[in-house]
Amino acid sequence: MKNVTKQLVGAAAPKFILTILALGDSYGLEIVQRVKELTNGEINWQAASIYPVLKKMEAVGLICSDWRMGETVRPRKYYRITEEGKAELQNQKNEWDAMNKIFTILLGGQNTSSL
């Protein structure tokens, strides 16, 4: 993204991944492709960069995985969101909504009574 720093995109990566997995189970490369597609190419991760994030998310229980036979002969590791991950995604959405309201207020878009 031209106007968004790598740090912000990196910080948002777990939120993007949880959002994709809330739509259904997916394997790593497919997650990368779906993020690119849904952001109209604005976010274009390298496939290898997602796996450390997935590993951390799995370690804390936000997602889980299992190996499945893919369309090819080679098995793929599919990830799915857990109940804890669904709750975290809702919390993150609430936080982003609150921050959006704050920015709108700071930029003069509305009053504080809606907070």
Protein backbone atom coordinates (compact mmCIF):
# COMPACT_ATOMS: atom_id res chain seq x y z
CA MET A 1 0.00 0.00 0.00
CA LYS A 2 1.37 3.33 -0.98
CA ASN A 3 0.04 5.31 1.98
CA VAL A 4 0.34 2.68 4.71
CA THR A 5 3.62 1.71 6.34
CA LYS A 6 4.91 -1.85 6.39
CA GLN A 7 4.75 -1.69 10.19
CA LEU A 8 1.02 -0.94 10.17
CA VAL A 9 0.31 -3.67 7.63
CA GLY A 10 2.44 -6.06 9.71
CA ALA A 11 0.59 -5.16 12.88
CA ALA A 12 -2.72 -5.73 11.12
CA ALA A 13 -1.66 -9.09 9.64
CA PRO A 14 -3.30 -11.23 12.38
CA LYS A 15 -6.53 -9.28 11.94
CA PHE A 16 -6.46 -9.86 8.19
CA ILE A 17 -5.74 -13.55 8.68
CA LEU A 18 -8.54 -13.99 11.23
CA THR A 19 -10.92 -12.19 8.87
CA ILE A 20 -10.01 -14.53 6.00
CA LEU A 21 -10.31 -17.62 8.20
CA ALA A 22 -13.69 -16.46 9.51
CA LEU A 23 -14.85 -16.96 5.91
CA GLY A 24 -13.62 -20.57 5.90
CA ASP A 25 -10.60 -22.84 6.28
CA SER A 26 -7.63 -21.96 4.13
CA TYR A 27 -3.97 -22.83 3.55
CA GLY A 28 -1.12 -20.31 3.70
CA LEU A 29 -0.73 -19.39 0.04
CA GLU A 30 -4.49 -19.18 -0.37
CA ILE A 31 -4.66 -16.70 2.54
CA VAL A 32 -2.02 -14.55 0.82
CA GLN A 33 -3.95 -14.69 -2.45
CA ARG A 34 -7.29 -13.85 -0.82
CA VAL A 35 -5.84 -10.86 1.04
CA LYS A 36 -4.38 -9.58 -2.22
CA GLU A 37 -7.68 -10.13 -4.02
CA LEU A 38 -9.87 -8.57 -1.32
CA THR A 39 -7.61 -5.50 -1.06
CA ASN A 40 -7.47 -5.06 -4.85
CA GLY A 41 -3.74 -5.75 -4.78
CA GLU A 42 -3.00 -3.08 -2.17
CA ILE A 43 -1.62 -5.71 0.20
CA ASN A 44 0.66 -8.19 -1.53
CA TRP A 45 2.48 -10.34 1.00
CA GLN A 46 5.29 -12.68 0.12
CA ALA A 47 4.05 -16.20 0.77
CA ALA A 48 6.91 -17.05 3.13
CA SER A 49 6.21 -14.04 5.35
CA ILE A 50 2.84 -15.33 6.52
CA TYR A 51 4.03 -18.60 8.07
CA PRO A 52 5.72 -17.12 11.19
CA VAL A 53 2.52 -15.15 11.86
CA LEU A 54 0.38 -18.27 11.44
CA LYS A 55 2.70 -20.20 13.78
CA LYS A 56 2.41 -17.52 16.50
CA MET A 57 -1.36 -17.34 16.10
CA GLU A 58 -1.63 -21.10 16.41
CA ALA A 59 0.62 -21.11 19.50
CA VAL A 60 -1.73 -18.72 21.32
CA GLY A 61 -4.87 -20.59 20.27
CA LEU A 62 -6.38 -18.12 17.79
CA ILE A 63 -6.21 -20.66 14.97
CA CYS A 64 -5.62 -24.39 14.59
CA SER A 65 -4.45 -26.48 11.68
CA ASP A 66 -4.53 -29.90 10.10
CA TRP A 67 -2.99 -31.51 7.05
CA ARG A 68 -5.29 -32.29 4.13
CA MET A 69 -4.91 -33.54 0.63
CA GLY A 70 -5.14 -30.57 -1.68
CA GLU A 71 -6.04 -30.37 -5.34
CA THR A 72 -2.58 -31.73 -6.04
CA VAL A 73 -1.07 -34.92 -4.68
CA ARG A 74 0.85 -32.98 -2.04
CA PRO A 75 -0.91 -32.44 1.31
CA ARG A 76 -1.46 -28.88 2.50
CA LYS A 77 -1.69 -27.46 5.99
CA TYR A 78 -5.12 -25.88 6.38
CA TYR A 79 -5.82 -23.30 9.06
CA ARG A 80 -9.13 -22.52 10.73
CA ILE A 81 -10.22 -19.95 13.24
CA THR A 82 -10.96 -21.17 16.78
CA GLU A 83 -13.67 -19.87 19.11
CA GLU A 84 -10.94 -17.86 20.85
CA GLY A 85 -9.93 -16.49 17.46
CA LYS A 86 -13.52 -15.49 16.69
CA ALA A 87 -13.74 -13.63 19.99
CA GLU A 88 -10.40 -11.93 19.32
CA LEU A 89 -11.55 -10.92 15.83
CA GLN A 90 -14.67 -9.31 17.29
CA ASN A 91 -12.54 -7.48 19.88
CA GLN A 92 -10.21 -6.26 17.15
CA LYS A 93 -13.15 -5.06 15.02
CA ASN A 94 -14.50 -3.16 18.01
CA GLU A 95 -11.10 -1.55 18.62
CA TRP A 96 -10.73 -0.55 14.95
CA ASP A 97 -14.26 0.90 14.95
CA ALA A 98 -13.46 2.93 18.06
CA MET A 99 -10.21 4.20 16.55
CA ASN A 100 -12.02 5.11 13.33
CA LYS A 101 -14.55 7.14 15.33
CA ILE A 102 -11.75 8.91 17.18
CA PHE A 103 -9.98 9.82 13.94
CA THR A 104 -13.25 11.05 12.46
CA ILE A 105 -13.82 13.25 15.50
CA LEU A 106 -10.27 14.57 15.44
CA LEU A 107 -10.68 15.43 11.77
CA GLY A 108 -13.93 17.28 12.50
CA GLY A 109 -16.32 14.71 11.07
CA GLN A 110 -18.68 14.30 14.04
CA ASN A 111 -19.14 15.09 17.71
CA THR A 112 -18.09 12.98 20.69
CA SER A 113 -21.63 11.98 21.71
CA SER A 114 -21.46 8.90 19.45
CA LEU A 115 -18.54 7.41 21.40
